């Protein structure tokens, strides 16, 4: 997910997307532990997407408070 796409989302949509990614991250970790993970690069992609969403959500919260 690109940063421009994330910035276009509302705060509620960001929270929904964050929850979805955290669930996917859990599932990927579980697959990795059981040896069923096929695409290992997806773990890193999800981690970066989570960080990107958290960063932009925090920026939006800071702007709304100022």
N, C-alpha and C. Protein backbone atom coordinates (compact mmCIF):
# COMPACT_ATOMS: atom_id res chain seq x y z
N UNK A 1 0.84 -1.17 0.00
CA UNK A 1 0.00 0.00 0.00
C UNK A 1 0.89 1.24 0.00
N UNK A 2 0.63 2.14 -0.90
CA UNK A 2 1.42 3.36 -1.03
C UNK A 2 1.01 4.38 0.01
N UNK A 3 1.91 5.26 0.36
CA UNK A 3 1.63 6.29 1.36
C UNK A 3 0.53 7.24 0.88
N UNK A 4 0.50 7.52 -0.40
CA UNK A 4 -0.55 8.40 -0.94
C UNK A 4 -1.92 7.77 -0.78
N UNK A 5 -2.00 6.47 -0.96
CA UNK A 5 -3.27 5.77 -0.76
C UNK A 5 -3.71 5.82 0.69
N UNK A 6 -2.75 5.67 1.59
CA UNK A 6 -3.06 5.69 3.02
C UNK A 6 -3.52 7.08 3.45
N UNK A 7 -2.88 8.12 2.93
CA UNK A 7 -3.24 9.50 3.31
C UNK A 7 -4.66 9.85 2.85
N UNK A 8 -5.15 9.18 1.82
CA UNK A 8 -6.49 9.46 1.31
C UNK A 8 -7.57 8.88 2.20
N UNK A 9 -7.22 7.96 3.11
CA UNK A 9 -8.20 7.31 3.96
C UNK A 9 -8.54 8.17 5.18
N UNK A 10 -9.74 7.96 5.70
CA UNK A 10 -10.13 8.66 6.93
C UNK A 10 -9.53 7.93 8.13
N UNK A 11 -9.66 8.53 9.30
CA UNK A 11 -9.10 7.93 10.51
C UNK A 11 -9.78 6.59 10.81
N UNK A 12 -11.09 6.53 10.63
CA UNK A 12 -11.81 5.27 10.87
C UNK A 12 -11.36 4.19 9.89
N UNK A 13 -11.17 4.56 8.64
CA UNK A 13 -10.71 3.61 7.64
C UNK A 13 -9.28 3.14 7.96
N UNK A 14 -8.46 4.05 8.48
CA UNK A 14 -7.10 3.68 8.87
C UNK A 14 -7.12 2.66 10.00
N UNK A 15 -8.01 2.87 10.97
CA UNK A 15 -8.11 1.93 12.08
C UNK A 15 -8.59 0.56 11.60
N UNK A 16 -9.53 0.55 10.67
CA UNK A 16 -10.01 -0.72 10.12
C UNK A 16 -8.90 -1.45 9.36
N UNK A 17 -8.17 -0.69 8.56
CA UNK A 17 -7.07 -1.28 7.79
C UNK A 17 -5.98 -1.80 8.72
N UNK A 18 -5.71 -1.06 9.80
CA UNK A 18 -4.70 -1.48 10.76
C UNK A 18 -5.10 -2.80 11.43
N UNK A 19 -6.36 -2.91 11.79
CA UNK A 19 -6.85 -4.15 12.41
C UNK A 19 -6.72 -5.32 11.45
N UNK A 20 -7.04 -5.07 10.18
CA UNK A 20 -6.95 -6.12 9.17
C UNK A 20 -5.50 -6.58 8.98
N UNK A 21 -4.58 -5.61 8.96
CA UNK A 21 -3.18 -5.96 8.77
C UNK A 21 -2.61 -6.68 9.98
N UNK A 22 -3.02 -6.29 11.18
CA UNK A 22 -2.54 -6.97 12.38
C UNK A 22 -3.02 -8.42 12.40
N UNK A 23 -4.24 -8.65 11.94
CA UNK A 23 -4.75 -10.01 11.87
C UNK A 23 -3.95 -10.82 10.84
N UNK A 24 -3.65 -10.18 9.71
CA UNK A 24 -2.85 -10.86 8.69
C UNK A 24 -1.45 -11.16 9.21
N UNK A 25 -0.88 -10.20 9.96
CA UNK A 25 0.45 -10.40 10.52
C UNK A 25 0.46 -11.60 11.48
N UNK A 26 -0.57 -11.70 12.30
CA UNK A 26 -0.68 -12.84 13.20
C UNK A 26 -0.74 -14.15 12.43
N UNK A 27 -1.58 -14.18 11.39
CA UNK A 27 -1.71 -15.39 10.58
C UNK A 27 -0.40 -15.75 9.89
N UNK A 28 0.32 -14.74 9.40
CA UNK A 28 1.60 -15.00 8.75
C UNK A 28 2.63 -15.55 9.74
N UNK A 29 2.65 -14.99 10.95
CA UNK A 29 3.57 -15.50 11.98
C UNK A 29 3.23 -16.94 12.33
N UNK A 30 1.95 -17.23 12.42
CA UNK A 30 1.51 -18.58 12.73
C UNK A 30 1.91 -19.54 11.62
N UNK A 31 1.73 -19.13 10.38
CA UNK A 31 2.13 -19.97 9.24
C UNK A 31 3.64 -20.20 9.23
N UNK A 32 4.39 -19.16 9.58
CA UNK A 32 5.84 -19.30 9.62
C UNK A 32 6.28 -20.28 10.69
N UNK A 33 5.61 -20.25 11.83
CA UNK A 33 5.97 -21.14 12.93
C UNK A 33 5.64 -22.59 12.61
N UNK A 34 4.61 -22.81 11.82
CA UNK A 34 4.22 -24.18 11.48
C UNK A 34 4.83 -24.66 10.17
N UNK A 35 5.61 -23.80 9.52
CA UNK A 35 6.28 -24.20 8.29
C UNK A 35 5.39 -24.15 7.06
N UNK A 36 4.29 -23.43 7.11
CA UNK A 36 3.37 -23.37 5.99
C UNK A 36 3.48 -22.07 5.19
N UNK A 37 4.37 -21.19 5.59
CA UNK A 37 4.49 -19.88 4.95
C UNK A 37 5.19 -20.03 3.60
N UNK A 38 4.52 -19.61 2.53
CA UNK A 38 5.08 -19.73 1.19
C UNK A 38 5.81 -18.46 0.76
N UNK A 39 5.20 -17.32 1.00
CA UNK A 39 5.77 -16.06 0.55
C UNK A 39 6.30 -15.30 1.76
N UNK A 40 7.57 -15.51 2.07
CA UNK A 40 8.15 -14.93 3.28
C UNK A 40 8.27 -13.42 3.20
N UNK A 41 8.34 -12.86 2.02
CA UNK A 41 8.49 -11.42 1.88
C UNK A 41 7.22 -10.68 2.32
N UNK A 42 6.11 -11.38 2.35
CA UNK A 42 4.84 -10.75 2.75
C UNK A 42 4.89 -10.29 4.20
N UNK A 43 5.65 -10.99 5.05
CA UNK A 43 5.78 -10.61 6.46
C UNK A 43 6.35 -9.19 6.56
N UNK A 44 7.40 -8.92 5.82
CA UNK A 44 8.02 -7.61 5.85
C UNK A 44 7.10 -6.55 5.24
N UNK A 45 6.39 -6.89 4.18
CA UNK A 45 5.46 -5.94 3.57
C UNK A 45 4.37 -5.52 4.56
N UNK A 46 3.84 -6.49 5.29
CA UNK A 46 2.78 -6.21 6.25
C UNK A 46 3.32 -5.34 7.38
N UNK A 47 4.52 -5.66 7.87
CA UNK A 47 5.12 -4.85 8.93
C UNK A 47 5.28 -3.39 8.49
N UNK A 48 5.73 -3.20 7.28
CA UNK A 48 5.93 -1.83 6.78
C UNK A 48 4.60 -1.12 6.57
N UNK A 49 3.60 -1.84 6.10
CA UNK A 49 2.28 -1.24 5.93
C UNK A 49 1.69 -0.82 7.27
N UNK A 50 1.88 -1.65 8.30
CA UNK A 50 1.40 -1.30 9.64
C UNK A 50 2.10 -0.04 10.13
N UNK A 51 3.41 0.03 9.96
CA UNK A 51 4.16 1.20 10.38
C UNK A 51 3.72 2.44 9.61
N UNK A 52 3.47 2.29 8.31
CA UNK A 52 3.05 3.40 7.48
C UNK A 52 1.69 3.93 7.95
N UNK A 53 0.77 3.03 8.24
CA UNK A 53 -0.57 3.44 8.68
C UNK A 53 -0.49 4.12 10.04
N UNK A 54 0.30 3.57 10.95
CA UNK A 54 0.43 4.18 12.28
C UNK A 54 1.03 5.58 12.19
N UNK A 55 2.02 5.74 11.33
CA UNK A 55 2.67 7.04 11.17
C UNK A 55 1.69 8.08 10.64
N UNK A 56 0.96 7.73 9.61
CA UNK A 56 0.04 8.68 8.99
C UNK A 56 -1.14 8.97 9.93
N UNK A 57 -1.60 7.96 10.66
CA UNK A 57 -2.68 8.19 11.64
C UNK A 57 -2.23 9.15 12.71
N UNK A 58 -0.99 9.01 13.15
CA UNK A 58 -0.46 9.91 14.17
C UNK A 58 -0.31 11.33 13.63
N UNK A 59 0.10 11.46 12.38
CA UNK A 59 0.22 12.77 11.76
C UNK A 59 -1.15 13.44 11.66
N UNK A 60 -2.16 12.68 11.27
CA UNK A 60 -3.51 13.23 11.16
C UNK A 60 -4.04 13.64 12.52
N UNK A 61 -3.72 12.87 13.56
CA UNK A 61 -4.17 13.22 14.91
C UNK A 61 -3.49 14.50 15.40
N UNK A 62 -2.22 14.65 15.07
CA UNK A 62 -1.48 15.84 15.48
C UNK A 62 -2.01 17.09 14.78
N UNK A 63 -2.37 16.96 13.52
CA UNK A 63 -2.89 18.10 12.76
C UNK A 63 -4.26 18.50 13.29
N UNK A 64 -5.07 17.52 13.64
CA UNK A 64 -6.43 17.84 14.10
C UNK A 64 -6.40 18.50 15.48
N UNK A 65 -5.37 18.23 16.29
CA UNK A 65 -5.26 18.82 17.62
C UNK A 65 -4.69 20.24 17.55
N UNK A 66 -3.91 20.52 16.53
CA UNK A 66 -3.27 21.83 16.43
C UNK A 66 -4.19 22.91 15.95
